């Protein structure tokens, strides 16, 4: 399965690391365009010059880790597509150009399911996408989450309850699925 990752799911570090960690284990093939990566870097740039340098490094690392993920969008494709927000047409165009099965985004309003279906593409929020992957094959998702969880705890210097970390990353259903039931 090929999944186009929208800029809004690349910007939160924990979410990006889980998504790319799962992809790195072969659970799906990630796709993005140069413009999507630039949008991500621009969003981070607002945090200051150090964040901009860090974002550029992360973009370079992502490109190196997934050299086949970057999709070139033909101009003609951009001209024939329409979405509620014209600024998101490039995302749909990249998904089509890359042969994506799904666009992973938080932005449901600007990617109507009927419009995407005409192109043979689905839309999924990251929580839905990862939870579905976990239900199909739990190993890659569990391993990626474990790595990211350990790194979050290492960087913060304190324990992070897994469910809280995933909820903060916009993955509440996945957090519930992966967390042991609480007593009481």
Protein backbone atom coordinates (compact mmCIF):
# COMPACT_ATOMS: atom_id res chain seq x y z
CA UNK A 1 0.00 0.00 0.00
CA UNK A 2 1.19 3.50 -0.83
CA UNK A 3 0.28 6.40 1.46
CA UNK A 4 0.79 10.08 0.67
CA UNK A 5 1.74 11.86 3.91
CA UNK A 6 0.40 15.41 4.08
CA UNK A 7 2.58 18.11 5.65
CA UNK A 8 0.29 18.29 8.70
CA UNK A 9 1.24 14.72 9.70
CA UNK A 10 4.98 15.31 9.20
CA UNK A 11 5.25 18.32 11.48
CA UNK A 12 4.58 16.77 14.90
CA UNK A 13 7.84 14.90 15.54
CA UNK A 14 6.38 11.95 17.46
CA UNK A 15 3.74 11.36 14.80
CA UNK A 16 6.25 11.66 11.94
CA UNK A 17 8.67 9.29 13.64
CA UNK A 18 5.95 6.68 14.18
CA UNK A 19 4.65 6.99 10.61
CA UNK A 20 8.12 6.74 9.09
CA UNK A 21 9.14 4.03 11.54
CA UNK A 22 6.22 1.87 10.44
CA UNK A 23 7.05 2.60 6.79
CA UNK A 24 10.69 1.72 7.41
CA UNK A 25 9.57 -1.74 8.46
CA UNK A 26 7.76 -2.21 5.17
CA UNK A 27 4.16 -1.93 6.41
CA UNK A 28 3.45 0.65 3.69
CA UNK A 29 5.28 2.84 1.18
CA UNK A 30 5.35 6.55 2.09
CA UNK A 31 5.01 9.28 -0.51
CA UNK A 32 5.36 13.06 -0.48
CA UNK A 33 6.26 15.86 -2.86
CA UNK A 34 8.97 18.50 -2.60
CA UNK A 35 6.20 21.04 -1.91
CA UNK A 36 4.84 18.96 1.00
CA UNK A 37 8.33 18.77 2.52
CA UNK A 38 8.73 22.53 2.04
CA UNK A 39 5.40 23.18 3.79
CA UNK A 40 6.59 21.09 6.71
CA UNK A 41 9.89 22.98 6.90
CA UNK A 42 8.06 26.33 6.67
CA UNK A 43 5.79 25.37 9.56
CA UNK A 44 8.80 24.52 11.72
CA UNK A 45 10.62 27.68 10.67
CA UNK A 46 8.08 29.72 12.65
CA UNK A 47 9.69 28.33 15.81
CA UNK A 48 12.94 30.16 15.06
CA UNK A 49 16.25 29.87 13.22
CA UNK A 50 17.46 26.84 15.16
CA UNK A 51 14.21 25.02 14.38
CA UNK A 52 14.62 25.89 10.69
CA UNK A 53 18.09 24.32 10.59
CA UNK A 54 16.78 21.26 12.43
CA UNK A 55 13.82 20.92 10.04
CA UNK A 56 16.12 21.12 7.01
CA UNK A 57 18.25 18.37 8.52
CA UNK A 58 15.18 16.23 9.19
CA UNK A 59 13.94 16.76 5.62
CA UNK A 60 17.35 15.67 4.31
CA UNK A 61 17.31 12.61 6.58
CA UNK A 62 13.81 11.69 5.41
CA UNK A 63 14.85 11.99 1.78
CA UNK A 64 17.88 9.81 2.43
CA UNK A 65 15.87 7.17 4.30
CA UNK A 66 13.14 7.02 1.65
CA UNK A 67 14.71 8.04 -1.68
CA UNK A 68 11.81 6.66 -3.74
CA UNK A 69 9.13 8.49 -1.70
CA UNK A 70 9.41 11.87 -3.40
CA UNK A 71 6.86 12.35 -6.17
CA UNK A 72 7.11 14.83 -9.04
CA UNK A 73 3.76 16.34 -9.96
CA UNK A 74 3.10 17.14 -13.64
CA UNK A 75 1.66 20.64 -14.19
CA UNK A 76 -1.22 19.29 -16.27
CA UNK A 77 -2.39 17.19 -13.37
CA UNK A 78 -2.49 20.22 -11.08
CA UNK A 79 -4.63 22.12 -13.58
CA UNK A 80 -7.32 19.44 -13.90
CA UNK A 81 -7.95 18.92 -10.17
CA UNK A 82 -10.23 20.82 -7.80
CA UNK A 83 -10.59 20.75 -4.04
CA UNK A 84 -12.36 23.06 -1.56
CA UNK A 85 -8.98 24.64 -0.75
CA UNK A 86 -6.97 25.25 -3.94
CA UNK A 87 -3.78 25.23 -1.84
CA UNK A 88 -4.31 21.50 -1.22
CA UNK A 89 -4.62 20.48 -4.87
CA UNK A 90 -0.90 19.74 -4.97
CA UNK A 91 -1.38 17.07 -2.27
CA UNK A 92 -4.03 15.24 -4.29
CA UNK A 93 -1.91 15.62 -7.42
CA UNK A 94 1.09 14.09 -5.65
CA UNK A 95 -1.07 11.21 -4.45
CA UNK A 96 -2.27 10.54 -7.99
CA UNK A 97 1.20 10.90 -9.51
CA UNK A 98 2.65 8.51 -6.94
CA UNK A 99 -0.12 5.93 -7.25
CA UNK A 100 -1.17 6.38 -3.63
CA UNK A 101 -3.98 4.34 -2.17
CA UNK A 102 -4.60 6.80 0.66
CA UNK A 103 -3.82 10.36 1.75
CA UNK A 104 -2.92 10.50 5.44
CA UNK A 105 -4.00 13.88 6.78
CA UNK A 106 -5.75 15.62 9.65
CA UNK A 107 -7.40 17.86 7.07
CA UNK A 108 -10.66 16.02 6.33
CA UNK A 109 -12.62 19.11 5.25
CA UNK A 110 -10.39 19.94 2.31
CA UNK A 111 -10.16 16.36 1.04
CA UNK A 112 -13.76 15.22 0.41
CA UNK A 113 -14.01 11.43 0.23
CA UNK A 114 -16.19 11.57 -2.92
CA UNK A 115 -13.62 13.68 -4.79
CA UNK A 116 -10.80 11.39 -3.72
CA UNK A 117 -12.80 8.29 -4.63
CA UNK A 118 -13.09 9.58 -8.21
CA UNK A 119 -9.30 9.27 -8.32
CA UNK A 120 -9.26 5.87 -6.57
CA UNK A 121 -7.78 7.33 -3.39
CA UNK A 122 -9.00 7.12 0.20
CA UNK A 123 -8.42 9.56 3.03
CA UNK A 124 -7.44 8.58 6.56
CA UNK A 125 -6.53 10.44 9.70
CA UNK A 126 -3.19 9.21 11.07
CA UNK A 127 -4.89 7.54 14.06
CA UNK A 128 -7.24 5.61 11.77
CA UNK A 129 -4.41 4.75 9.36
CA UNK A 130 -2.01 3.45 12.02
CA UNK A 131 -4.71 1.65 13.99
CA UNK A 132 -5.83 -0.14 10.82
CA UNK A 133 -2.23 -1.12 10.04
CA UNK A 134 -1.86 -2.38 13.63
CA UNK A 135 -5.02 -4.49 13.35
CA UNK A 136 -3.71 -6.04 10.11
CA UNK A 137 -0.13 -6.61 11.31
CA UNK A 138 0.63 -5.36 14.83
CA UNK A 139 4.39 -5.96 14.78
CA UNK A 140 5.62 -3.01 12.70
CA UNK A 141 3.37 -0.52 14.50
CA UNK A 142 4.25 -1.83 17.96
CA UNK A 143 7.99 -1.79 17.19
CA UNK A 144 7.90 1.75 15.75
CA UNK A 145 5.88 3.04 18.70
CA UNK A 146 8.26 1.36 21.18
CA UNK A 147 11.29 3.06 19.57
CA UNK A 148 9.62 6.49 19.54
CA UNK A 149 8.34 6.04 23.11
CA UNK A 150 11.82 5.14 24.38
CA UNK A 151 13.34 8.14 22.58
CA UNK A 152 10.69 10.51 23.99
CA UNK A 153 11.46 9.29 27.49
CA UNK A 154 15.21 9.57 26.89
CA UNK A 155 14.94 13.12 25.58
CA UNK A 156 12.58 14.28 28.32
CA UNK A 157 14.52 12.51 31.06
CA UNK A 158 11.31 11.23 32.61
CA UNK A 159 8.75 8.52 32.06
CA UNK A 160 6.00 9.22 29.52
CA UNK A 161 2.87 7.11 29.82
CA UNK A 162 2.45 5.61 26.35
CA UNK A 163 -1.22 6.46 26.08
CA UNK A 164 -0.57 10.12 26.98
CA UNK A 165 2.28 10.38 24.46
CA UNK A 166 0.18 8.95 21.67
CA UNK A 167 -2.81 11.11 22.57
CA UNK A 168 -0.60 14.20 22.42
CA UNK A 169 0.59 13.04 18.98
CA UNK A 170 -3.01 12.84 17.74
CA UNK A 171 -3.21 9.06 18.09
CA UNK A 172 -5.73 8.45 20.90
CA UNK A 173 -7.24 5.24 19.45
CA UNK A 174 -3.83 3.75 18.83
CA UNK A 175 -2.78 4.76 22.35
CA UNK A 176 -5.80 3.01 23.81
CA UNK A 177 -5.17 -0.09 21.70
CA UNK A 178 -1.49 -0.33 22.72
CA UNK A 179 -1.85 0.56 26.40
CA UNK A 180 -2.60 -2.05 29.02
CA UNK A 181 -6.03 -1.72 30.61
CA UNK A 182 -6.02 0.29 33.81
CA UNK A 183 -7.15 -1.32 37.02
CA UNK A 184 -10.21 -0.15 38.74
